[in-house]
Amino acid sequence: RTRPGKEGLSHPYDWEPLGALCLS
């Protein structure tokens, strides 16, 4: 996943995927 960054660039970030981790 990405989120908008400065000057419209795509800025990456990673959060734990809790939903998938619960299923796992």
PDBML (XML) file of the C-alpha atoms, coordinates in Angstrom:
<?xml version="1.0" encoding="UTF-8" ?>
<PDBx:datablock datablockName="MODEL"
   xmlns:PDBx="http://pdbml.pdb.org/schema/pdbx-v50.xsd"
   xmlns:xsi="http://www.w3.org/2001/XMLSchema-instance"
   xsi:schemaLocation="http://pdbml.pdb.org/schema/pdbx-v50.xsd pdbx-v50.xsd">
   <PDBx:atom_siteCategory>
      <PDBx:atom_site id="1">
         <PDBx:B_iso_or_equiv>0.00</PDBx:B_iso_or_equiv>
         <PDBx:Cartn_x>0.000</PDBx:Cartn_x>
         <PDBx:Cartn_y>0.000</PDBx:Cartn_y>
         <PDBx:Cartn_z>0.000</PDBx:Cartn_z>
         <PDBx:auth_asym_id>A</PDBx:auth_asym_id>
         <PDBx:auth_atom_id>CA</PDBx:auth_atom_id>
         <PDBx:auth_comp_id>ARG</PDBx:auth_comp_id>
         <PDBx:auth_seq_id>1</PDBx:auth_seq_id>
         <PDBx:group_PDB>ATOM</PDBx:group_PDB>
         <PDBx:label_alt_id xsi:nil="true" />
         <PDBx:label_asym_id>A</PDBx:label_asym_id>
         <PDBx:label_atom_id>CA</PDBx:label_atom_id>
         <PDBx:label_comp_id>ARG</PDBx:label_comp_id>
         <PDBx:label_entity_id>1</PDBx:label_entity_id>
         <PDBx:label_seq_id>1</PDBx:label_seq_id>
         <PDBx:occupancy>1.00</PDBx:occupancy>
         <PDBx:pdbx_PDB_model_num>1</PDBx:pdbx_PDB_model_num>
         <PDBx:type_symbol>C</PDBx:type_symbol>
      </PDBx:atom_site>
      <PDBx:atom_site id="2">
         <PDBx:B_iso_or_equiv>0.00</PDBx:B_iso_or_equiv>
         <PDBx:Cartn_x>0.998</PDBx:Cartn_x>
         <PDBx:Cartn_y>3.625</PDBx:Cartn_y>
         <PDBx:Cartn_z>-0.496</PDBx:Cartn_z>
         <PDBx:auth_asym_id>A</PDBx:auth_asym_id>
         <PDBx:auth_atom_id>CA</PDBx:auth_atom_id>
         <PDBx:auth_comp_id>THR</PDBx:auth_comp_id>
         <PDBx:auth_seq_id>2</PDBx:auth_seq_id>
         <PDBx:group_PDB>ATOM</PDBx:group_PDB>
         <PDBx:label_alt_id xsi:nil="true" />
         <PDBx:label_asym_id>A</PDBx:label_asym_id>
         <PDBx:label_atom_id>CA</PDBx:label_atom_id>
         <PDBx:label_comp_id>THR</PDBx:label_comp_id>
         <PDBx:label_entity_id>1</PDBx:label_entity_id>
         <PDBx:label_seq_id>2</PDBx:label_seq_id>
         <PDBx:occupancy>1.00</PDBx:occupancy>
         <PDBx:pdbx_PDB_model_num>1</PDBx:pdbx_PDB_model_num>
         <PDBx:type_symbol>C</PDBx:type_symbol>
      </PDBx:atom_site>
      <PDBx:atom_site id="3">
         <PDBx:B_iso_or_equiv>0.00</PDBx:B_iso_or_equiv>
         <PDBx:Cartn_x>-0.226</PDBx:Cartn_x>
         <PDBx:Cartn_y>7.013</PDBx:Cartn_y>
         <PDBx:Cartn_z>0.589</PDBx:Cartn_z>
         <PDBx:auth_asym_id>A</PDBx:auth_asym_id>
         <PDBx:auth_atom_id>CA</PDBx:auth_atom_id>
         <PDBx:auth_comp_id>ARG</PDBx:auth_comp_id>
         <PDBx:auth_seq_id>3</PDBx:auth_seq_id>
         <PDBx:group_PDB>ATOM</PDBx:group_PDB>
         <PDBx:label_alt_id xsi:nil="true" />
         <PDBx:label_asym_id>A</PDBx:label_asym_id>
         <PDBx:label_atom_id>CA</PDBx:label_atom_id>
         <PDBx:label_comp_id>ARG</PDBx:label_comp_id>
         <PDBx:label_entity_id>1</PDBx:label_entity_id>
         <PDBx:label_seq_id>3</PDBx:label_seq_id>
         <PDBx:occupancy>1.00</PDBx:occupancy>
         <PDBx:pdbx_PDB_model_num>1</PDBx:pdbx_PDB_model_num>
         <PDBx:type_symbol>C</PDBx:type_symbol>
      </PDBx:atom_site>
      <PDBx:atom_site id="4">
         <PDBx:B_iso_or_equiv>0.00</PDBx:B_iso_or_equiv>
         <PDBx:Cartn_x>0.131</PDBx:Cartn_x>
         <PDBx:Cartn_y>10.431</PDBx:Cartn_y>
         <PDBx:Cartn_z>-1.055</PDBx:Cartn_z>
         <PDBx:auth_asym_id>A</PDBx:auth_asym_id>
         <PDBx:auth_atom_id>CA</PDBx:auth_atom_id>
         <PDBx:auth_comp_id>PRO</PDBx:auth_comp_id>
         <PDBx:auth_seq_id>4</PDBx:auth_seq_id>
         <PDBx:group_PDB>ATOM</PDBx:group_PDB>
         <PDBx:label_alt_id xsi:nil="true" />
         <PDBx:label_asym_id>A</PDBx:label_asym_id>
         <PDBx:label_atom_id>CA</PDBx:label_atom_id>
         <PDBx:label_comp_id>PRO</PDBx:label_comp_id>
         <PDBx:label_entity_id>1</PDBx:label_entity_id>
         <PDBx:label_seq_id>4</PDBx:label_seq_id>
         <PDBx:occupancy>1.00</PDBx:occupancy>
         <PDBx:pdbx_PDB_model_num>1</PDBx:pdbx_PDB_model_num>
         <PDBx:type_symbol>C</PDBx:type_symbol>
      </PDBx:atom_site>
      <PDBx:atom_site id="5">
         <PDBx:B_iso_or_equiv>0.00</PDBx:B_iso_or_equiv>
         <PDBx:Cartn_x>3.413</PDBx:Cartn_x>
         <PDBx:Cartn_y>12.138</PDBx:Cartn_y>
         <PDBx:Cartn_z>-0.266</PDBx:Cartn_z>
         <PDBx:auth_asym_id>A</PDBx:auth_asym_id>
         <PDBx:auth_atom_id>CA</PDBx:auth_atom_id>
         <PDBx:auth_comp_id>GLY</PDBx:auth_comp_id>
         <PDBx:auth_seq_id>5</PDBx:auth_seq_id>
         <PDBx:group_PDB>ATOM</PDBx:group_PDB>
         <PDBx:label_alt_id xsi:nil="true" />
         <PDBx:label_asym_id>A</PDBx:label_asym_id>
         <PDBx:label_atom_id>CA</PDBx:label_atom_id>
         <PDBx:label_comp_id>GLY</PDBx:label_comp_id>
         <PDBx:label_entity_id>1</PDBx:label_entity_id>
         <PDBx:label_seq_id>5</PDBx:label_seq_id>
         <PDBx:occupancy>1.00</PDBx:occupancy>
         <PDBx:pdbx_PDB_model_num>1</PDBx:pdbx_PDB_model_num>
         <PDBx:type_symbol>C</PDBx:type_symbol>
      </PDBx:atom_site>
      <PDBx:atom_site id="6">
         <PDBx:B_iso_or_equiv>0.00</PDBx:B_iso_or_equiv>
         <PDBx:Cartn_x>4.917</PDBx:Cartn_x>
         <PDBx:Cartn_y>15.521</PDBx:Cartn_y>
         <PDBx:Cartn_z>-0.925</PDBx:Cartn_z>
         <PDBx:auth_asym_id>A</PDBx:auth_asym_id>
         <PDBx:auth_atom_id>CA</PDBx:auth_atom_id>
         <PDBx:auth_comp_id>LYS</PDBx:auth_comp_id>
         <PDBx:auth_seq_id>6</PDBx:auth_seq_id>
         <PDBx:group_PDB>ATOM</PDBx:group_PDB>
         <PDBx:label_alt_id xsi:nil="true" />
         <PDBx:label_asym_id>A</PDBx:label_asym_id>
         <PDBx:label_atom_id>CA</PDBx:label_atom_id>
         <PDBx:label_comp_id>LYS</PDBx:label_comp_id>
         <PDBx:label_entity_id>1</PDBx:label_entity_id>
         <PDBx:label_seq_id>6</PDBx:label_seq_id>
         <PDBx:occupancy>1.00</PDBx:occupancy>
         <PDBx:pdbx_PDB_model_num>1</PDBx:pdbx_PDB_model_num>
         <PDBx:type_symbol>C</PDBx:type_symbol>
      </PDBx:atom_site>
      <PDBx:atom_site id="7">
         <PDBx:B_iso_or_equiv>0.00</PDBx:B_iso_or_equiv>
         <PDBx:Cartn_x>4.295</PDBx:Cartn_x>
         <PDBx:Cartn_y>16.978</PDBx:Cartn_y>
         <PDBx:Cartn_z>-4.358</PDBx:Cartn_z>
         <PDBx:auth_asym_id>A</PDBx:auth_asym_id>
         <PDBx:auth_atom_id>CA</PDBx:auth_atom_id>
         <PDBx:auth_comp_id>GLU</PDBx:auth_comp_id>
         <PDBx:auth_seq_id>7</PDBx:auth_seq_id>
         <PDBx:group_PDB>ATOM</PDBx:group_PDB>
         <PDBx:label_alt_id xsi:nil="true" />
         <PDBx:label_asym_id>A</PDBx:label_asym_id>
         <PDBx:label_atom_id>CA</PDBx:label_atom_id>
         <PDBx:label_comp_id>GLU</PDBx:label_comp_id>
         <PDBx:label_entity_id>1</PDBx:label_entity_id>
         <PDBx:label_seq_id>7</PDBx:label_seq_id>
         <PDBx:occupancy>1.00</PDBx:occupancy>
         <PDBx:pdbx_PDB_model_num>1</PDBx:pdbx_PDB_model_num>
         <PDBx:type_symbol>C</PDBx:type_symbol>
      </PDBx:atom_site>
      <PDBx:atom_site id="8">
         <PDBx:B_iso_or_equiv>0.00</PDBx:B_iso_or_equiv>
         <PDBx:Cartn_x>1.820</PDBx:Cartn_x>
         <PDBx:Cartn_y>14.226</PDBx:Cartn_y>
         <PDBx:Cartn_z>-5.165</PDBx:Cartn_z>
         <PDBx:auth_asym_id>A</PDBx:auth_asym_id>
         <PDBx:auth_atom_id>CA</PDBx:auth_atom_id>
         <PDBx:auth_comp_id>GLY</PDBx:auth_comp_id>
         <PDBx:auth_seq_id>8</PDBx:auth_seq_id>
         <PDBx:group_PDB>ATOM</PDBx:group_PDB>
         <PDBx:label_alt_id xsi:nil="true" />
         <PDBx:label_asym_id>A</PDBx:label_asym_id>
         <PDBx:label_atom_id>CA</PDBx:label_atom_id>
         <PDBx:label_comp_id>GLY</PDBx:label_comp_id>
         <PDBx:label_entity_id>1</PDBx:label_entity_id>
         <PDBx:label_seq_id>8</PDBx:label_seq_id>
         <PDBx:occupancy>1.00</PDBx:occupancy>
         <PDBx:pdbx_PDB_model_num>1</PDBx:pdbx_PDB_model_num>
         <PDBx:type_symbol>C</PDBx:type_symbol>
      </PDBx:atom_site>
      <PDBx:atom_site id="9">
         <PDBx:B_iso_or_equiv>0.00</PDBx:B_iso_or_equiv>
         <PDBx:Cartn_x>4.404</PDBx:Cartn_x>
         <PDBx:Cartn_y>11.460</PDBx:Cartn_y>
         <PDBx:Cartn_z>-4.960</PDBx:Cartn_z>
         <PDBx:auth_asym_id>A</PDBx:auth_asym_id>
         <PDBx:auth_atom_id>CA</PDBx:auth_atom_id>
         <PDBx:auth_comp_id>LEU</PDBx:auth_comp_id>
         <PDBx:auth_seq_id>9</PDBx:auth_seq_id>
         <PDBx:group_PDB>ATOM</PDBx:group_PDB>
         <PDBx:label_alt_id xsi:nil="true" />
         <PDBx:label_asym_id>A</PDBx:label_asym_id>
         <PDBx:label_atom_id>CA</PDBx:label_atom_id>
         <PDBx:label_comp_id>LEU</PDBx:label_comp_id>
         <PDBx:label_entity_id>1</PDBx:label_entity_id>
         <PDBx:label_seq_id>9</PDBx:label_seq_id>
         <PDBx:occupancy>1.00</PDBx:occupancy>
         <PDBx:pdbx_PDB_model_num>1</PDBx:pdbx_PDB_model_num>
         <PDBx:type_symbol>C</PDBx:type_symbol>
      </PDBx:atom_site>
      <PDBx:atom_site id="10">
         <PDBx:B_iso_or_equiv>0.00</PDBx:B_iso_or_equiv>
         <PDBx:Cartn_x>3.480</PDBx:Cartn_x>
         <PDBx:Cartn_y>8.049</PDBx:Cartn_y>
         <PDBx:Cartn_z>-3.670</PDBx:Cartn_z>
         <PDBx:auth_asym_id>A</PDBx:auth_asym_id>
         <PDBx:auth_atom_id>CA</PDBx:auth_atom_id>
         <PDBx:auth_comp_id>SER</PDBx:auth_comp_id>
         <PDBx:auth_seq_id>10</PDBx:auth_seq_id>
         <PDBx:group_PDB>ATOM</PDBx:group_PDB>
         <PDBx:label_alt_id xsi:nil="true" />
         <PDBx:label_asym_id>A</PDBx:label_asym_id>
         <PDBx:label_atom_id>CA</PDBx:label_atom_id>
         <PDBx:label_comp_id>SER</PDBx:label_comp_id>
         <PDBx:label_entity_id>1</PDBx:label_entity_id>
         <PDBx:label_seq_id>10</PDBx:label_seq_id>
         <PDBx:occupancy>1.00</PDBx:occupancy>
         <PDBx:pdbx_PDB_model_num>1</PDBx:pdbx_PDB_model_num>
         <PDBx:type_symbol>C</PDBx:type_symbol>
      </PDBx:atom_site>
      <PDBx:atom_site id="11">
         <PDBx:B_iso_or_equiv>0.00</PDBx:B_iso_or_equiv>
         <PDBx:Cartn_x>4.927</PDBx:Cartn_x>
         <PDBx:Cartn_y>7.527</PDBx:Cartn_y>
         <PDBx:Cartn_z>-0.199</PDBx:Cartn_z>
         <PDBx:auth_asym_id>A</PDBx:auth_asym_id>
         <PDBx:auth_atom_id>CA</PDBx:auth_atom_id>
         <PDBx:auth_comp_id>HIS</PDBx:auth_comp_id>
         <PDBx:auth_seq_id>11</PDBx:auth_seq_id>
         <PDBx:group_PDB>ATOM</PDBx:group_PDB>
         <PDBx:label_alt_id xsi:nil="true" />
         <PDBx:label_asym_id>A</PDBx:label_asym_id>
         <PDBx:label_atom_id>CA</PDBx:label_atom_id>
         <PDBx:label_comp_id>HIS</PDBx:label_comp_id>
         <PDBx:label_entity_id>1</PDBx:label_entity_id>
         <PDBx:label_seq_id>11</PDBx:label_seq_id>
         <PDBx:occupancy>1.00</PDBx:occupancy>
         <PDBx:pdbx_PDB_model_num>1</PDBx:pdbx_PDB_model_num>
         <PDBx:type_symbol>C</PDBx:type_symbol>
      </PDBx:atom_site>
      <PDBx:atom_site id="12">
         <PDBx:B_iso_or_equiv>0.00</PDBx:B_iso_or_equiv>
         <PDBx:Cartn_x>5.151</PDBx:Cartn_x>
         <PDBx:Cartn_y>3.920</PDBx:Cartn_y>
         <PDBx:Cartn_z>1.098</PDBx:Cartn_z>
         <PDBx:auth_asym_id>A</PDBx:auth_asym_id>
         <PDBx:auth_atom_id>CA</PDBx:auth_atom_id>
         <PDBx:auth_comp_id>PRO</PDBx:auth_comp_id>
         <PDBx:auth_seq_id>12</PDBx:auth_seq_id>
         <PDBx:group_PDB>ATOM</PDBx:group_PDB>
         <PDBx:label_alt_id xsi:nil="true" />
         <PDBx:label_asym_id>A</PDBx:label_asym_id>
         <PDBx:label_atom_id>CA</PDBx:label_atom_id>
         <PDBx:label_comp_id>PRO</PDBx:label_comp_id>
         <PDBx:label_entity_id>1</PDBx:label_entity_id>
         <PDBx:label_seq_id>12</PDBx:label_seq_id>
         <PDBx:occupancy>1.00</PDBx:occupancy>
         <PDBx:pdbx_PDB_model_num>1</PDBx:pdbx_PDB_model_num>
         <PDBx:type_symbol>C</PDBx:type_symbol>
      </PDBx:atom_site>
      <PDBx:atom_site id="13">
         <PDBx:B_iso_or_equiv>0.00</PDBx:B_iso_or_equiv>
         <PDBx:Cartn_x>4.269</PDBx:Cartn_x>
         <PDBx:Cartn_y>2.843</PDBx:Cartn_y>
         <PDBx:Cartn_z>4.594</PDBx:Cartn_z>
         <PDBx:auth_asym_id>A</PDBx:auth_asym_id>
         <PDBx:auth_atom_id>CA</PDBx:auth_atom_id>
         <PDBx:auth_comp_id>TYR</PDBx:auth_comp_id>
         <PDBx:auth_seq_id>13</PDBx:auth_seq_id>
         <PDBx:group_PDB>ATOM</PDBx:group_PDB>
         <PDBx:label_alt_id xsi:nil="true" />
         <PDBx:label_asym_id>A</PDBx:label_asym_id>
         <PDBx:label_atom_id>CA</PDBx:label_atom_id>
         <PDBx:label_comp_id>TYR</PDBx:label_comp_id>
         <PDBx:label_entity_id>1</PDBx:label_entity_id>
         <PDBx:label_seq_id>13</PDBx:label_seq_id>
         <PDBx:occupancy>1.00</PDBx:occupancy>
         <PDBx:pdbx_PDB_model_num>1</PDBx:pdbx_PDB_model_num>
         <PDBx:type_symbol>C</PDBx:type_symbol>
      </PDBx:atom_site>
      <PDBx:atom_site id="14">
         <PDBx:B_iso_or_equiv>0.00</PDBx:B_iso_or_equiv>
         <PDBx:Cartn_x>3.622</PDBx:Cartn_x>
         <PDBx:Cartn_y>-0.460</PDBx:Cartn_y>
         <PDBx:Cartn_z>6.280</PDBx:Cartn_z>
         <PDBx:auth_asym_id>A</PDBx:auth_asym_id>
         <PDBx:auth_atom_id>CA</PDBx:auth_atom_id>
         <PDBx:auth_comp_id>ASP</PDBx:auth_comp_id>
         <PDBx:auth_seq_id>14</PDBx:auth_seq_id>
         <PDBx:group_PDB>ATOM</PDBx:group_PDB>
         <PDBx:label_alt_id xsi:nil="true" />
         <PDBx:label_asym_id>A</PDBx:label_asym_id>
         <PDBx:label_atom_id>CA</PDBx:label_atom_id>
         <PDBx:label_comp_id>ASP</PDBx:label_comp_id>
         <PDBx:label_entity_id>1</PDBx:label_entity_id>
         <PDBx:label_seq_id>14</PDBx:label_seq_id>
         <PDBx:occupancy>1.00</PDBx:occupancy>
         <PDBx:pdbx_PDB_model_num>1</PDBx:pdbx_PDB_model_num>
         <PDBx:type_symbol>C</PDBx:type_symbol>
      </PDBx:atom_site>
      <PDBx:atom_site id="15">
         <PDBx:B_iso_or_equiv>0.00</PDBx:B_iso_or_equiv>
         <PDBx:Cartn_x>1.259</PDBx:Cartn_x>
         <PDBx:Cartn_y>-1.235</PDBx:Cartn_y>
         <PDBx:Cartn_z>9.133</PDBx:Cartn_z>
         <PDBx:auth_asym_id>A</PDBx:auth_asym_id>
         <PDBx:auth_atom_id>CA</PDBx:auth_atom_id>
         <PDBx:auth_comp_id>TRP</PDBx:auth_comp_id>
         <PDBx:auth_seq_id>15</PDBx:auth_seq_id>
         <PDBx:group_PDB>ATOM</PDBx:group_PDB>
         <PDBx:label_alt_id xsi:nil="true" />
         <PDBx:label_asym_id>A</PDBx:label_asym_id>
         <PDBx:label_atom_id>CA</PDBx:label_atom_id>
         <PDBx:label_comp_id>TRP</PDBx:label_comp_id>
         <PDBx:label_entity_id>1</PDBx:label_entity_id>
         <PDBx:label_seq_id>15</PDBx:label_seq_id>
         <PDBx:occupancy>1.00</PDBx:occupancy>
         <PDBx:pdbx_PDB_model_num>1</PDBx:pdbx_PDB_model_num>
         <PDBx:type_symbol>C</PDBx:type_symbol>
      </PDBx:atom_site>
      <PDBx:atom_site id="16">
         <PDBx:B_iso_or_equiv>0.00</PDBx:B_iso_or_equiv>
         <PDBx:Cartn_x>0.657</PDBx:Cartn_x>
         <PDBx:Cartn_y>-4.636</PDBx:Cartn_y>
         <PDBx:Cartn_z>10.597</PDBx:Cartn_z>
         <PDBx:auth_asym_id>A</PDBx:auth_asym_id>
         <PDBx:auth_atom_id>CA</PDBx:auth_atom_id>
         <PDBx:auth_comp_id>GLU</PDBx:auth_comp_id>
         <PDBx:auth_seq_id>16</PDBx:auth_seq_id>
         <PDBx:group_PDB>ATOM</PDBx:group_PDB>
         <PDBx:label_alt_id xsi:nil="true" />
         <PDBx:label_asym_id>A</PDBx:label_asym_id>
         <PDBx:label_atom_id>CA</PDBx:label_atom_id>
         <PDBx:label_comp_id>GLU</PDBx:label_comp_id>
         <PDBx:label_entity_id>1</PDBx:label_entity_id>
         <PDBx:label_seq_id>16</PDBx:label_seq_id>
         <PDBx:occupancy>1.00</PDBx:occupancy>
         <PDBx:pdbx_PDB_model_num>1</PDBx:pdbx_PDB_model_num>
         <PDBx:type_symbol>C</PDBx:type_symbol>
      </PDBx:atom_site>
      <PDBx:atom_site id="17">
         <PDBx:B_iso_or_equiv>0.00</PDBx:B_iso_or_equiv>
         <PDBx:Cartn_x>-2.202</PDBx:Cartn_x>
         <PDBx:Cartn_y>-6.329</PDBx:Cartn_y>
         <PDBx:Cartn_z>8.688</PDBx:Cartn_z>
         <PDBx:auth_asym_id>A</PDBx:auth_asym_id>
         <PDBx:auth_atom_id>CA</PDBx:auth_atom_id>
         <PDBx:auth_comp_id>PRO</PDBx:auth_comp_id>
         <PDBx:auth_seq_id>17</PDBx:auth_seq_id>
         <PDBx:group_PDB>ATOM</PDBx:group_PDB>
         <PDBx:label_alt_id xsi:nil="true" />
         <PDBx:label_asym_id>A</PDBx:label_asym_id>
         <PDBx:label_atom_id>CA</PDBx:label_atom_id>
         <PDBx:label_comp_id>PRO</PDBx:label_comp_id>
         <PDBx:label_entity_id>1</PDBx:label_entity_id>
         <PDBx:label_seq_id>17</PDBx:label_seq_id>
         <PDBx:occupancy>1.00</PDBx:occupancy>
         <PDBx:pdbx_PDB_model_num>1</PDBx:pdbx_PDB_model_num>
         <PDBx:type_symbol>C</PDBx:type_symbol>
      </PDBx:atom_site>
      <PDBx:atom_site id="18">
         <PDBx:B_iso_or_equiv>0.00</PDBx:B_iso_or_equiv>
         <PDBx:Cartn_x>-4.195</PDBx:Cartn_x>
         <PDBx:Cartn_y>-7.190</PDBx:Cartn_y>
         <PDBx:Cartn_z>11.800</PDBx:Cartn_z>
         <PDBx:auth_asym_id>A</PDBx:auth_asym_id>
         <PDBx:auth_atom_id>CA</PDBx:auth_atom_id>
         <PDBx:auth_comp_id>LEU</PDBx:auth_comp_id>
         <PDBx:auth_seq_id>18</PDBx:auth_seq_id>
         <PDBx:group_PDB>ATOM</PDBx:group_PDB>
         <PDBx:label_alt_id xsi:nil="true" />
         <PDBx:label_asym_id>A</PDBx:label_asym_id>
         <PDBx:label_atom_id>CA</PDBx:label_atom_id>
         <PDBx:label_comp_id>LEU</PDBx:label_comp_id>
         <PDBx:label_entity_id>1</PDBx:label_entity_id>
         <PDBx:label_seq_id>18</PDBx:label_seq_id>
         <PDBx:occupancy>1.00</PDBx:occupancy>
         <PDBx:pdbx_PDB_model_num>1</PDBx:pdbx_PDB_model_num>
         <PDBx:type_symbol>C</PDBx:type_symbol>
      </PDBx:atom_site>
      <PDBx:atom_site id="19">
         <PDBx:B_iso_or_equiv>0.00</PDBx:B_iso_or_equiv>
         <PDBx:Cartn_x>-7.124</PDBx:Cartn_x>
         <PDBx:Cartn_y>-8.702</PDBx:Cartn_y>
         <PDBx:Cartn_z>9.920</PDBx:Cartn_z>
         <PDBx:auth_asym_id>A</PDBx:auth_asym_id>
         <PDBx:auth_atom_id>CA</PDBx:auth_atom_id>
         <PDBx:auth_comp_id>GLY</PDBx:auth_comp_id>
         <PDBx:auth_seq_id>19</PDBx:auth_seq_id>
         <PDBx:group_PDB>ATOM</PDBx:group_PDB>
         <PDBx:label_alt_id xsi:nil="true" />
         <PDBx:label_asym_id>A</PDBx:label_asym_id>
         <PDBx:label_atom_id>CA</PDBx:label_atom_id>
         <PDBx:label_comp_id>GLY</PDBx:label_comp_id>
         <PDBx:label_entity_id>1</PDBx:label_entity_id>
         <PDBx:label_seq_id>19</PDBx:label_seq_id>
         <PDBx:occupancy>1.00</PDBx:occupancy>
         <PDBx:pdbx_PDB_model_num>1</PDBx:pdbx_PDB_model_num>
         <PDBx:type_symbol>C</PDBx:type_symbol>
      </PDBx:atom_site>
      <PDBx:atom_site id="20">
         <PDBx:B_iso_or_equiv>0.00</PDBx:B_iso_or_equiv>
         <PDBx:Cartn_x>-4.927</PDBx:Cartn_x>
         <PDBx:Cartn_y>-11.218</PDBx:Cartn_y>
         <PDBx:Cartn_z>8.120</PDBx:Cartn_z>
         <PDBx:auth_asym_id>A</PDBx:auth_asym_id>
         <PDBx:auth_atom_id>CA</PDBx:auth_atom_id>
         <PDBx:auth_comp_id>ALA</PDBx:auth_comp_id>
         <PDBx:auth_seq_id>20</PDBx:auth_seq_id>
         <PDBx:group_PDB>ATOM</PDBx:group_PDB>
         <PDBx:label_alt_id xsi:nil="true" />
         <PDBx:label_asym_id>A</PDBx:label_asym_id>
         <PDBx:label_atom_id>CA</PDBx:label_atom_id>
         <PDBx:label_comp_id>ALA</PDBx:label_comp_id>
         <PDBx:label_entity_id>1</PDBx:label_entity_id>
         <PDBx:label_seq_id>20</PDBx:label_seq_id>
         <PDBx:occupancy>1.00</PDBx:occupancy>
         <PDBx:pdbx_PDB_model_num>1</PDBx:pdbx_PDB_model_num>
         <PDBx:type_symbol>C</PDBx:type_symbol>
      </PDBx:atom_site>
      <PDBx:atom_site id="21">
         <PDBx:B_iso_or_equiv>0.00</PDBx:B_iso_or_equiv>
         <PDBx:Cartn_x>-2.929</PDBx:Cartn_x>
         <PDBx:Cartn_y>-11.895</PDBx:Cartn_y>
         <PDBx:Cartn_z>11.265</PDBx:Cartn_z>
         <PDBx:auth_asym_id>A</PDBx:auth_asym_id>
         <PDBx:auth_atom_id>CA</PDBx:auth_atom_id>
         <PDBx:auth_comp_id>LEU</PDBx:auth_comp_id>
         <PDBx:auth_seq_id>21</PDBx:auth_seq_id>
         <PDBx:group_PDB>ATOM</PDBx:group_PDB>
         <PDBx:label_alt_id xsi:nil="true" />
         <PDBx:label_asym_id>A</PDBx:label_asym_id>
         <PDBx:label_atom_id>CA</PDBx:label_atom_id>
         <PDBx:label_comp_id>LEU</PDBx:label_comp_id>
         <PDBx:label_entity_id>1</PDBx:label_entity_id>
         <PDBx:label_seq_id>21</PDBx:label_seq_id>
         <PDBx:occupancy>1.00</PDBx:occupancy>
         <PDBx:pdbx_PDB_model_num>1</PDBx:pdbx_PDB_model_num>
         <PDBx:type_symbol>C</PDBx:type_symbol>
      </PDBx:atom_site>
      <PDBx:atom_site id="22">
         <PDBx:B_iso_or_equiv>0.00</PDBx:B_iso_or_equiv>
         <PDBx:Cartn_x>-6.150</PDBx:Cartn_x>
         <PDBx:Cartn_y>-12.692</PDBx:Cartn_y>
         <PDBx:Cartn_z>13.127</PDBx:Cartn_z>
         <PDBx:auth_asym_id>A</PDBx:auth_asym_id>
         <PDBx:auth_atom_id>CA</PDBx:auth_atom_id>
         <PDBx:auth_comp_id>CYS</PDBx:auth_comp_id>
         <PDBx:auth_seq_id>22</PDBx:auth_seq_id>
         <PDBx:group_PDB>ATOM</PDBx:group_PDB>
         <PDBx:label_alt_id xsi:nil="true" />
         <PDBx:label_asym_id>A</PDBx:label_asym_id>
         <PDBx:label_atom_id>CA</PDBx:label_atom_id>
         <PDBx:label_comp_id>CYS</PDBx:label_comp_id>
         <PDBx:label_entity_id>1</PDBx:label_entity_id>
         <PDBx:label_seq_id>22</PDBx:label_seq_id>
         <PDBx:occupancy>1.00</PDBx:occupancy>
         <PDBx:pdbx_PDB_model_num>1</PDBx:pdbx_PDB_model_num>
         <PDBx:type_symbol>C</PDBx:type_symbol>
      </PDBx:atom_site>
      <PDBx:atom_site id="23">
         <PDBx:B_iso_or_equiv>0.00</PDBx:B_iso_or_equiv>
         <PDBx:Cartn_x>-7.168</PDBx:Cartn_x>
         <PDBx:Cartn_y>-15.112</PDBx:Cartn_y>
         <PDBx:Cartn_z>10.374</PDBx:Cartn_z>
         <PDBx:auth_asym_id>A</PDBx:auth_asym_id>
         <PDBx:auth_atom_id>CA</PDBx:auth_atom_id>
         <PDBx:auth_comp_id>LEU</PDBx:auth_comp_id>
         <PDBx:auth_seq_id>23</PDBx:auth_seq_id>
         <PDBx:group_PDB>ATOM</PDBx:group_PDB>
         <PDBx:label_alt_id xsi:nil="true" />
         <PDBx:label_asym_id>A</PDBx:label_asym_id>
         <PDBx:label_atom_id>CA</PDBx:label_atom_id>
         <PDBx:label_comp_id>LEU</PDBx:label_comp_id>
         <PDBx:label_entity_id>1</PDBx:label_entity_id>
         <PDBx:label_seq_id>23</PDBx:label_seq_id>
         <PDBx:occupancy>1.00</PDBx:occupancy>
         <PDBx:pdbx_PDB_model_num>1</PDBx:pdbx_PDB_model_num>
         <PDBx:type_symbol>C</PDBx:type_symbol>
      </PDBx:atom_site>
      <PDBx:atom_site id="24">
         <PDBx:B_iso_or_equiv>0.00</PDBx:B_iso_or_equiv>
         <PDBx:Cartn_x>-3.731</PDBx:Cartn_x>
         <PDBx:Cartn_y>-16.697</PDBx:Cartn_y>
         <PDBx:Cartn_z>10.422</PDBx:Cartn_z>
         <PDBx:auth_asym_id>A</PDBx:auth_asym_id>
         <PDBx:auth_atom_id>CA</PDBx:auth_atom_id>
         <PDBx:auth_comp_id>SER</PDBx:auth_comp_id>
         <PDBx:auth_seq_id>24</PDBx:auth_seq_id>
         <PDBx:group_PDB>ATOM</PDBx:group_PDB>
         <PDBx:label_alt_id xsi:nil="true" />
         <PDBx:label_asym_id>A</PDBx:label_asym_id>
         <PDBx:label_atom_id>CA</PDBx:label_atom_id>
         <PDBx:label_comp_id>SER</PDBx:label_comp_id>
         <PDBx:label_entity_id>1</PDBx:label_entity_id>
         <PDBx:label_seq_id>24</PDBx:label_seq_id>
         <PDBx:occupancy>1.00</PDBx:occupancy>
         <PDBx:pdbx_PDB_model_num>1</PDBx:pdbx_PDB_model_num>
         <PDBx:type_symbol>C</PDBx:type_symbol>
      </PDBx:atom_site>
   </PDBx:atom_siteCategory>
</PDBx:datablock>
